[in-house]
Protein backbone atom coordinates (compact mmCIF):
# COMPACT_ATOMS: atom_id res chain seq x y z
CA MET A 1 3.36 -12.22 -8.37
CA LYS A 2 5.41 -9.09 -8.96
CA PHE A 3 5.75 -6.39 -6.30
CA ILE A 4 7.22 -2.92 -6.99
CA VAL A 5 7.88 -0.17 -4.45
CA LEU A 6 6.64 3.11 -5.91
CA GLY A 7 6.93 5.07 -2.69
CA SER A 8 8.81 4.05 0.46
CA GLY A 9 8.43 7.31 2.37
CA THR A 10 5.83 9.26 4.31
CA SER A 11 4.03 12.60 4.19
CA VAL A 12 7.34 14.37 4.81
CA PRO A 13 9.06 15.46 1.56
CA GLN A 14 12.21 13.43 0.96
CA ARG A 15 14.59 13.61 -1.98
CA GLN A 16 14.77 9.86 -2.59
CA ARG A 17 11.46 8.63 -1.17
CA SER A 18 7.99 9.19 -2.57
CA ALA A 19 4.76 8.93 -0.60
CA PRO A 20 3.43 5.40 0.00
CA ALA A 21 2.34 3.40 -3.05
CA PHE A 22 3.05 -0.14 -4.26
CA TRP A 23 2.34 -2.04 -7.48
CA VAL A 24 1.19 -5.68 -7.42
CA GLU A 25 0.91 -7.66 -10.64
CA THR A 26 -0.34 -11.20 -11.24
CA ASN A 27 -1.15 -13.22 -14.34
CA SER A 28 -4.68 -11.79 -14.38
CA GLY A 29 -4.07 -8.10 -13.71
CA SER A 30 -2.59 -5.32 -11.62
CA MET A 31 -3.32 -3.58 -8.34
CA LEU A 32 -2.13 -0.41 -6.61
CA LEU A 33 -1.69 -0.57 -2.84
CA ASP A 34 -2.34 2.96 -1.56
CA ALA A 35 -2.15 6.10 -3.65
CA GLY A 36 0.26 8.63 -2.24
CA ALA A 37 0.58 12.03 -3.86
CA ASP A 38 3.27 10.82 -6.26
CA ALA A 39 1.62 7.54 -7.28
CA ALA A 40 0.45 8.46 -10.77
CA HIS A 41 3.81 9.83 -11.88
CA ARG A 42 5.73 7.04 -10.18
CA MET A 43 3.75 4.45 -12.17
CA ALA A 44 4.70 6.27 -15.34
CA GLU A 45 8.35 6.56 -14.26
CA GLU A 46 8.50 2.79 -13.72
CA ASN A 47 6.95 2.27 -17.18
CA LEU A 48 3.98 0.43 -15.68
CA ASP A 49 0.69 -0.02 -17.51
CA TRP A 50 -1.21 2.50 -15.38
CA LYS A 51 -3.87 3.04 -18.05
CA ASN A 52 -5.03 -0.58 -17.63
CA LEU A 53 -4.74 -0.74 -13.84
CA ASP A 54 -7.40 -3.16 -12.56
CA ALA A 55 -7.75 -2.35 -8.87
CA ILE A 56 -6.74 0.13 -6.17
CA TRP A 57 -6.55 -0.58 -2.43
CA ILE A 58 -6.78 2.33 0.02
CA SER A 59 -5.71 1.39 3.55
CA HIS A 60 -6.86 4.56 5.31
CA PHE A 61 -7.55 8.21 4.63
CA HIS A 62 -4.38 10.02 5.65
CA LEU A 63 -3.31 12.06 2.67
CA ASP A 64 0.07 10.41 2.19
CA HIS A 65 -1.85 7.18 1.44
CA PHE A 66 -4.98 8.58 -0.18
CA GLY A 67 -4.11 12.02 -1.52
CA GLY A 68 -2.95 10.81 -4.95
CA LEU A 69 -6.21 9.05 -5.81
CA ALA A 70 -8.15 12.14 -6.89
CA PRO A 71 -5.32 13.42 -9.17
CA PHE A 72 -5.00 9.94 -10.69
CA LEU A 73 -8.73 9.83 -11.45
CA PHE A 74 -8.54 13.36 -12.85
CA GLY A 75 -5.79 12.07 -15.13
CA THR A 76 -7.63 8.96 -16.28
CA LYS A 77 -10.72 11.05 -17.02
CA TRP A 78 -8.88 13.21 -19.54
CA ALA A 79 -5.86 11.19 -20.67
CA PRO A 80 -5.83 10.14 -24.36
CA GLN A 81 -4.56 6.70 -23.25
CA THR A 82 -7.81 5.90 -21.40
CA ARG A 83 -10.37 7.22 -23.89
CA GLU A 84 -10.95 3.75 -25.33
CA ARG A 85 -10.73 1.85 -22.06
CA ARG A 86 -13.89 -0.10 -21.26
CA LYS A 87 -12.96 -2.55 -18.50
CA PRO A 88 -13.92 -1.41 -14.98
CA LEU A 89 -11.52 -0.02 -12.39
CA GLN A 90 -12.27 -1.33 -8.91
CA ILE A 91 -11.41 0.75 -5.84
CA PHE A 92 -11.45 -0.93 -2.42
CA GLY A 93 -11.13 0.79 0.93
CA PRO A 94 -12.53 1.21 4.44
CA ARG A 95 -15.95 2.52 5.35
CA GLY A 96 -16.15 6.19 4.33
CA LEU A 97 -14.39 5.69 1.00
CA VAL A 98 -17.46 6.46 -1.12
CA LYS A 99 -18.41 9.63 0.75
CA LEU A 100 -14.87 10.96 0.62
CA LEU A 101 -14.44 10.22 -3.09
CA ARG A 102 -17.75 11.86 -3.89
CA THR A 103 -16.67 14.95 -1.93
CA PHE A 104 -13.49 15.20 -4.03
CA SER A 105 -15.48 14.51 -7.19
CA ASP A 106 -18.02 17.26 -6.48
CA ALA A 107 -15.38 19.83 -5.51
CA ASN A 108 -14.90 22.39 -8.27
CA GLU A 109 -17.14 20.18 -10.46
CA TYR A 110 -14.25 17.80 -11.16
CA GLY A 111 -16.59 14.88 -11.87
CA LEU A 112 -13.96 12.32 -10.94
CA LEU A 113 -16.50 9.51 -10.86
CA ASP A 114 -17.53 10.21 -14.47
CA GLN A 115 -14.87 8.20 -16.27
CA PRO A 116 -14.75 6.78 -19.82
CA PHE A 117 -14.97 3.40 -18.08
CA LEU A 118 -16.96 2.05 -15.14
CA LEU A 119 -15.71 2.74 -11.60
CA LYS A 120 -16.68 0.15 -9.00
CA LEU A 121 -16.32 1.37 -5.41
CA HIS A 122 -16.21 -1.16 -2.57
CA GLU A 123 -16.24 -0.33 1.14
CA VAL A 124 -14.69 -3.19 3.10
CA GLU A 125 -15.07 -4.07 6.77
CA PRO A 126 -12.32 -5.62 8.94
CA ALA A 127 -11.97 -9.43 8.83
CA ARG A 128 -13.59 -9.70 5.41
CA GLU A 129 -12.55 -11.80 2.41
CA PHE A 130 -13.12 -10.78 -1.19
CA ASN A 131 -11.69 -11.20 -4.68
CA VAL A 132 -9.52 -8.39 -6.03
CA LEU A 133 -8.46 -10.06 -9.28
CA ALA A 134 -9.42 -13.37 -10.84
CA ASP A 135 -6.37 -15.01 -9.24
CA LEU A 136 -5.99 -12.83 -6.15
CA ARG A 137 -8.03 -12.98 -2.95
CA ALA A 138 -7.87 -10.43 -0.13
CA THR A 139 -8.46 -10.59 3.62
CA THR A 140 -8.56 -7.50 5.84
CA PHE A 141 -7.44 -6.76 9.38
CA SER A 142 -8.07 -3.67 11.55
CA THR A 143 -4.82 -2.00 12.66
CA PRO A 144 -4.19 0.44 15.54
CA HIS A 145 -3.57 3.62 13.57
CA THR A 146 -6.82 5.38 12.65
CA THR A 147 -10.35 4.14 13.26
CA GLU A 148 -10.65 2.98 9.65
CA SER A 149 -7.11 1.66 9.04
CA LEU A 150 -6.90 -1.79 7.47
CA ALA A 151 -4.04 -4.13 6.71
CA VAL A 152 -4.60 -6.50 3.80
CA ARG A 153 -3.41 -10.03 3.07
CA LEU A 154 -3.33 -10.96 -0.61
CA THR A 155 -3.21 -14.62 -1.62
CA ALA A 156 -2.64 -15.62 -5.23
CA SER A 157 -3.91 -18.81 -6.86
CA THR A 158 -0.26 -19.95 -6.92
CA GLY A 159 -0.25 -19.96 -3.10
CA LYS A 160 2.09 -16.98 -2.81
CA SER A 161 0.93 -14.35 -0.34
CA LEU A 162 1.62 -10.76 0.69
CA VAL A 163 0.65 -8.77 3.76
CA TYR A 164 0.68 -4.98 3.53
CA SER A 165 0.35 -3.51 7.00
CA SER A 166 0.21 0.12 5.90
CA ASP A 167 0.45 2.41 8.95
CA THR A 168 0.08 0.66 12.29
CA GLY A 169 1.03 0.67 15.91
CA PHE A 170 2.28 -2.52 17.52
CA SER A 171 -0.19 -5.40 17.47
CA GLN A 172 0.33 -9.04 18.38
CA HIS A 173 -2.79 -9.76 16.35
CA LEU A 174 -1.11 -8.30 13.26
CA ALA A 175 1.68 -10.83 13.73
CA ASP A 176 -0.95 -13.58 13.89
CA PHE A 177 -2.66 -12.22 10.77
CA SER A 178 0.69 -12.25 8.91
CA ARG A 179 1.90 -15.65 10.04
CA GLY A 180 3.72 -17.64 7.35
CA VAL A 181 3.23 -15.03 4.63
CA THR A 182 5.54 -15.03 1.61
CA LEU A 183 6.21 -11.28 1.76
CA LEU A 184 5.52 -9.03 4.73
CA VAL A 185 5.48 -5.32 3.82
CA LEU A 186 5.61 -3.69 7.21
CA GLU A 187 5.81 -0.07 8.23
CA CYS A 188 8.79 1.03 10.33
CA SER A 189 8.44 4.76 10.70
CA PHE A 190 11.06 5.33 13.40
CA ARG A 191 14.32 3.87 14.68
CA ARG A 192 13.63 4.37 18.38
CA ASN A 193 11.81 6.64 20.87
CA LYS A 194 8.83 6.92 18.55
CA PRO A 195 6.79 10.06 19.28
CA VAL A 196 3.40 8.37 18.78
CA SER A 197 1.94 4.95 19.59
CA THR A 198 0.25 4.58 16.22
CA HIS A 199 3.44 3.83 14.26
CA LEU A 200 6.24 1.29 14.67
CA GLU A 201 9.89 1.63 15.56
CA ILE A 202 12.50 -0.94 14.57
CA GLU A 203 12.37 -3.08 17.73
CA GLU A 204 8.60 -3.47 17.45
CA ALA A 205 8.75 -4.22 13.73
CA ILE A 206 11.32 -6.96 14.29
CA LYS A 207 9.19 -8.42 17.08
CA ILE A 208 6.30 -8.76 14.60
CA ILE A 209 8.65 -10.29 12.02
CA ARG A 210 10.00 -12.77 14.56
CA GLU A 211 6.47 -13.78 15.54
CA CYS A 212 4.99 -14.23 12.06
CA ASN A 213 8.10 -15.69 10.35
CA PRO A 214 7.60 -14.46 6.77
CA GLN A 215 9.74 -15.80 3.94
CA THR A 216 10.75 -12.19 3.17
CA ALA A 217 10.30 -9.03 5.24
CA LEU A 218 10.37 -5.52 3.77
CA LEU A 219 10.32 -2.41 5.97
CA THR A 220 8.79 0.75 4.53
CA HIS A 221 7.16 4.09 5.48
CA LEU A 222 10.59 5.33 6.55
CA TYR A 223 10.74 8.83 8.01
CA PRO A 224 13.73 11.09 7.17
CA GLU A 225 15.63 10.03 10.30
CA TRP A 226 16.35 6.77 8.46
CA ASP A 227 18.25 8.69 5.78
CA ASP A 228 21.03 9.50 8.25
CA CYS A 229 21.79 5.96 9.41
CA ASN A 230 22.90 2.58 8.11
CA PHE A 231 19.72 0.51 7.76
CA ALA A 232 21.46 -2.89 7.76
CA GLU A 233 23.49 -1.96 10.81
CA GLU A 234 20.41 -0.89 12.74
CA VAL A 235 18.65 -4.16 11.86
CA SER A 236 21.66 -6.30 12.77
CA LYS A 237 21.60 -4.95 16.33
CA LEU A 238 18.29 -6.73 16.85
CA TRP A 239 17.98 -9.45 14.19
CA SER A 240 20.38 -11.90 12.57
CA GLY A 241 18.15 -12.62 9.56
CA GLU A 242 17.67 -10.61 6.38
CA ILE A 243 15.29 -7.68 6.31
CA ILE A 244 15.00 -5.58 3.17
CA GLU A 245 14.92 -1.80 3.22
CA ALA A 246 12.19 -0.47 0.92
CA VAL A 247 13.54 1.98 -1.63
CA ASP A 248 11.66 3.56 -4.50
CA GLY A 249 11.90 1.40 -7.60
CA LEU A 250 12.68 -1.85 -5.79
CA SER A 251 11.10 -4.82 -7.60
CA LEU A 252 10.53 -8.28 -6.09
CA GLU A 253 9.25 -11.50 -7.64
CA LEU A 254 7.27 -13.76 -5.33
């Protein structure tokens, strides 16, 4: 399983961090985890096969995670590269996904759901299991961020696994959900004194990591305050193990 960071930032414009988006690739296909505003162009910048993307996962409806989906579908509708595409594109997300996409599609008569290929839209409840790709199964978990927010655990036929928390406040249950995972992709919006309960700061993120004991931990969704500090130094104050800082363009093989 290949994992590529397309966007390690937030809704706040940052010079070196795009809005949240991640590419997952297995032997049977590819998947986009969240679609921040920059997702379409970041896929092209990384020379990824965006025109044959198999599936998209939307964790929740904040625009830094969802706002790039409509522009991407506007692109696939008119791009020369997708005119001959016939395989379906599956889009998975929380309850409300279909209504919201139809609203975007109907606005200004964009017709985003009228693609050269079939769009399959799936609304997913918490604690559900489903197939994303032929060799990739997903399980969902409700996180304390918005009412619809879902974390997802992806398990490949090889046994390798990935948990993407997306945005979340602290949750012991999230640590349980992530236990023993190969790669934990965990938000860490703030260093300390977080202004809201629905995101994580470094101490809370490390507590989750300590509890679930992933083979590899990657911290992402980093607000601009992280740009002015030494990431490794901040981690070392609380944790002796390795934790990777998400940066745009980072590629990992599981």
